[in-house]
């Protein structure tokens, strides 16, 4: 029931990016997201005690019984990368090129998605890992993703920054693999589950018996 983080992100369509006040709050929100059908969550290094939050949530499962894939975002240094992986992070994300974190990820065989805004930064990130975080995404809008897909058709793009949940379908239609959302998701369990159900796409055939 394991799959690559890229497959899980793409199947989910939405990557929640958490910047909570403390580790307990991050764990509480992550648990709620998993119960709502979310499987892949990004906890950022801006959360006080973030490593403890990762360690507490990495062993959990989602509502379908699939292992959670807890990633760490805003990973910009070697210390961030080492700490995140030691805590059980399934993937790392940086908002911009992060050579120190990249070296750790390479040595440890970990997934690192580096960010960028210019075509050059994005193409370099894609060349290294097959994916790029487009940040801050609101600057270019969905049309920017369309333009990037025209020249990098096989790349996975994760636009993040200034995107509202209601706008997610526009970004996916433009070619985004998944959309990073830092706020605005509902707190009500039923409404939250409906968001993920509406966006869900098939995952790799090996990640669950149902292929979801």
Protein backbone atom coordinates (compact mmCIF):
# COMPACT_ATOMS: atom_id res chain seq x y z
CA UNK A 1 0.00 0.00 0.00
CA UNK A 2 2.95 2.29 -0.54
CA UNK A 3 3.40 4.63 -3.47
CA UNK A 4 5.64 7.47 -4.52
CA UNK A 5 4.80 10.86 -3.00
CA UNK A 6 4.33 12.29 -6.51
CA UNK A 7 1.62 9.71 -7.25
CA UNK A 8 -0.14 10.43 -3.97
CA UNK A 9 0.02 14.21 -4.45
CA UNK A 10 -1.33 13.95 -7.98
CA UNK A 11 -4.14 11.66 -6.91
CA UNK A 12 -5.08 14.06 -4.15
CA UNK A 13 -4.88 17.22 -6.25
CA UNK A 14 -4.59 19.35 -3.13
CA UNK A 15 -1.58 19.55 -0.81
CA UNK A 16 -2.45 21.16 2.54
CA UNK A 17 0.43 23.32 3.79
CA UNK A 18 0.27 23.74 7.56
CA UNK A 19 1.79 26.65 9.47
CA UNK A 20 0.21 26.12 12.86
CA UNK A 21 1.01 27.83 16.14
CA UNK A 22 2.58 24.75 17.71
CA UNK A 23 3.15 21.02 17.30
CA UNK A 24 -0.04 19.98 19.11
CA UNK A 25 -2.16 22.15 16.83
CA UNK A 26 -0.36 20.76 13.77
CA UNK A 27 -0.97 17.19 14.91
CA UNK A 28 -4.64 17.95 15.56
CA UNK A 29 -5.13 19.48 12.11
CA UNK A 30 -3.20 16.73 10.36
CA UNK A 31 -5.30 14.09 12.10
CA UNK A 32 -8.47 15.86 10.96
CA UNK A 33 -7.19 16.02 7.39
CA UNK A 34 -6.34 12.31 7.36
CA UNK A 35 -9.79 11.47 8.72
CA UNK A 36 -11.31 13.51 5.89
CA UNK A 37 -9.63 11.42 3.20
CA UNK A 38 -6.44 13.42 2.82
CA UNK A 39 -3.27 11.34 2.70
CA UNK A 40 -0.46 13.76 1.89
CA UNK A 41 0.17 16.74 4.17
CA UNK A 42 3.01 19.27 4.31
CA UNK A 43 4.10 20.54 7.73
CA UNK A 44 6.43 23.51 7.56
CA UNK A 45 9.55 24.30 9.53
CA UNK A 46 7.88 27.51 10.70
CA UNK A 47 5.84 25.46 13.20
CA UNK A 48 7.45 25.50 16.66
CA UNK A 49 8.31 21.88 17.43
CA UNK A 50 7.64 20.82 13.84
CA UNK A 51 9.94 17.77 14.02
CA UNK A 52 7.92 16.34 16.91
CA UNK A 53 4.72 16.91 14.94
CA UNK A 54 6.18 15.00 12.00
CA UNK A 55 7.27 12.12 14.22
CA UNK A 56 3.78 11.90 15.73
CA UNK A 57 1.88 11.98 12.43
CA UNK A 58 4.17 10.01 10.08
CA UNK A 59 3.01 6.62 11.47
CA UNK A 60 -0.69 7.43 10.96
CA UNK A 61 -3.03 6.26 8.21
CA UNK A 62 -5.73 8.03 6.23
CA UNK A 63 -9.46 7.29 6.20
CA UNK A 64 -8.91 4.49 3.67
CA UNK A 65 -6.26 2.77 5.76
CA UNK A 66 -3.36 3.92 3.57
CA UNK A 67 -0.13 5.05 5.25
CA UNK A 68 0.03 8.83 5.61
CA UNK A 69 2.69 10.66 3.62
CA UNK A 70 3.79 13.53 5.83
CA UNK A 71 6.20 15.93 4.19
CA UNK A 72 8.12 18.91 5.48
CA UNK A 73 8.08 22.25 3.72
CA UNK A 74 10.26 25.34 3.93
CA UNK A 75 13.27 23.03 4.07
CA UNK A 76 16.18 25.27 3.15
CA UNK A 77 19.19 23.95 5.10
CA UNK A 78 21.01 20.68 5.70
CA UNK A 79 19.85 20.72 9.32
CA UNK A 80 16.21 21.05 8.22
CA UNK A 81 16.59 18.15 5.81
CA UNK A 82 18.37 15.82 8.21
CA UNK A 83 15.94 16.58 11.04
CA UNK A 84 12.89 16.09 8.83
CA UNK A 85 14.07 12.76 7.47
CA UNK A 86 15.07 11.53 10.91
CA UNK A 87 11.53 12.37 12.09
CA UNK A 88 10.01 10.24 9.34
CA UNK A 89 9.21 12.76 6.60
CA UNK A 90 8.13 11.14 3.32
CA UNK A 91 9.26 14.11 1.24
CA UNK A 92 10.83 17.55 1.50
CA UNK A 93 9.82 20.82 -0.15
CA UNK A 94 11.72 24.08 -0.44
CA UNK A 95 10.26 27.40 -1.62
CA UNK A 96 13.40 28.17 -3.64
CA UNK A 97 16.64 26.44 -4.77
CA UNK A 98 18.19 24.87 -1.67
CA UNK A 99 21.59 23.29 -2.42
CA UNK A 100 22.29 22.30 1.19
CA UNK A 101 19.01 20.44 1.53
CA UNK A 102 19.51 18.99 -1.94
CA UNK A 103 22.81 17.43 -0.94
CA UNK A 104 21.19 15.73 2.06
CA UNK A 105 18.27 14.46 -0.02
CA UNK A 106 20.64 13.05 -2.62
CA UNK A 107 22.78 11.30 -0.03
CA UNK A 108 19.78 9.81 1.74
CA UNK A 109 17.76 8.97 -1.34
CA UNK A 110 14.93 11.27 -0.33
CA UNK A 111 12.41 13.20 -2.40
CA UNK A 112 13.06 16.95 -2.46
CA UNK A 113 10.86 19.29 -4.49
CA UNK A 114 12.61 22.62 -4.90
CA UNK A 115 10.75 25.81 -5.64
CA UNK A 116 11.17 28.59 -8.13
CA UNK A 117 9.36 31.33 -9.98
CA UNK A 118 11.44 31.97 -13.09
CA UNK A 119 11.39 29.44 -15.95
CA UNK A 120 15.09 28.82 -15.34
CA UNK A 121 14.64 28.01 -11.64
CA UNK A 122 11.67 25.80 -12.38
CA UNK A 123 13.38 23.94 -15.22
CA UNK A 124 16.42 23.31 -13.03
CA UNK A 125 14.26 21.90 -10.24
CA UNK A 126 12.46 19.65 -12.72
CA UNK A 127 15.76 18.43 -14.17
CA UNK A 128 16.89 17.38 -10.70
CA UNK A 129 13.71 15.82 -9.35
CA UNK A 130 11.03 15.73 -12.04
CA UNK A 131 8.93 18.23 -10.11
CA UNK A 132 8.95 21.85 -8.98
CA UNK A 133 7.08 23.99 -6.52
CA UNK A 134 5.93 27.13 -8.35
CA UNK A 135 6.08 29.89 -5.76
CA UNK A 136 4.55 32.39 -5.28
CA UNK A 137 2.06 31.00 -7.77
CA UNK A 138 -0.43 33.86 -7.70
CA UNK A 139 2.10 36.06 -9.50
CA UNK A 140 1.74 34.12 -12.74
CA UNK A 141 -1.66 32.52 -12.33
CA UNK A 142 -2.91 29.35 -14.04
CA UNK A 143 -1.81 30.63 -17.46
CA UNK A 144 1.80 30.51 -16.27
CA UNK A 145 1.38 26.80 -15.53
CA UNK A 146 0.01 26.28 -19.04
CA UNK A 147 3.04 28.00 -20.50
CA UNK A 148 5.41 25.91 -18.38
CA UNK A 149 3.67 22.68 -19.40
CA UNK A 150 4.16 23.60 -23.04
CA UNK A 151 7.94 23.48 -22.66
CA UNK A 152 8.16 20.97 -19.78
CA UNK A 153 5.29 18.59 -20.61
CA UNK A 154 6.44 15.75 -18.36
CA UNK A 155 7.05 17.88 -15.27
CA UNK A 156 5.00 17.86 -12.10
CA UNK A 157 4.14 21.36 -10.93
CA UNK A 158 2.90 22.21 -7.44
CA UNK A 159 1.77 25.85 -7.51
CA UNK A 160 1.58 27.32 -4.02
CA UNK A 161 0.95 30.77 -2.61
CA UNK A 162 -2.10 33.01 -2.77
CA UNK A 163 -4.45 30.32 -4.11
CA UNK A 164 -7.94 29.91 -2.65
CA UNK A 165 -9.50 26.45 -2.34
CA UNK A 166 -12.27 27.37 -4.81
CA UNK A 167 -9.61 28.09 -7.44
CA UNK A 168 -8.00 24.65 -7.28
CA UNK A 169 -9.88 23.24 -10.33
CA UNK A 170 -8.56 26.08 -12.50
CA UNK A 171 -4.98 25.26 -11.60
CA UNK A 172 -5.45 21.54 -12.11
CA UNK A 173 -7.04 22.19 -15.51
CA UNK A 174 -4.01 24.31 -16.41
CA UNK A 175 -1.70 21.35 -15.77
CA UNK A 176 -0.80 21.47 -12.07
CA UNK A 177 -0.21 18.06 -10.50
CA UNK A 178 -1.38 19.31 -7.12
CA UNK A 179 -2.10 22.71 -5.59
CA UNK A 180 -0.55 23.84 -2.31
CA UNK A 181 -3.12 25.46 -0.02
CA UNK A 182 -2.07 27.21 3.16
CA UNK A 183 -5.48 28.28 4.43
CA UNK A 184 -9.18 28.46 3.75
CA UNK A 185 -10.02 24.78 3.99
CA UNK A 186 -13.19 24.10 6.03
CA UNK A 187 -13.03 22.96 9.63
CA UNK A 188 -16.28 21.00 9.48
CA UNK A 189 -15.37 17.29 8.99
CA UNK A 190 -18.09 16.67 6.42
CA UNK A 191 -17.24 19.73 4.36
CA UNK A 192 -13.54 18.92 4.52
CA UNK A 193 -14.16 15.35 3.35
CA UNK A 194 -16.25 16.68 0.47
CA UNK A 195 -13.33 18.82 -0.73
CA UNK A 196 -11.01 15.83 -0.99
CA UNK A 197 -13.68 13.57 -2.47
CA UNK A 198 -14.39 16.09 -5.23
CA UNK A 199 -10.73 16.32 -6.21
CA UNK A 200 -9.71 12.66 -5.83
CA UNK A 201 -8.14 10.99 -8.85
CA UNK A 202 -6.81 7.43 -9.29
CA UNK A 203 -3.43 6.78 -7.70
CA UNK A 204 -0.87 4.14 -8.68
CA UNK A 205 -2.24 0.60 -8.88
CA UNK A 206 -0.14 -0.62 -5.95
CA UNK A 207 -1.06 1.95 -3.30
CA UNK A 208 -4.37 0.31 -2.32
CA UNK A 209 -6.60 -2.53 -3.38
CA UNK A 210 -8.97 -0.04 -4.98
CA UNK A 211 -6.18 1.83 -6.75
CA UNK A 212 -7.15 5.05 -4.96
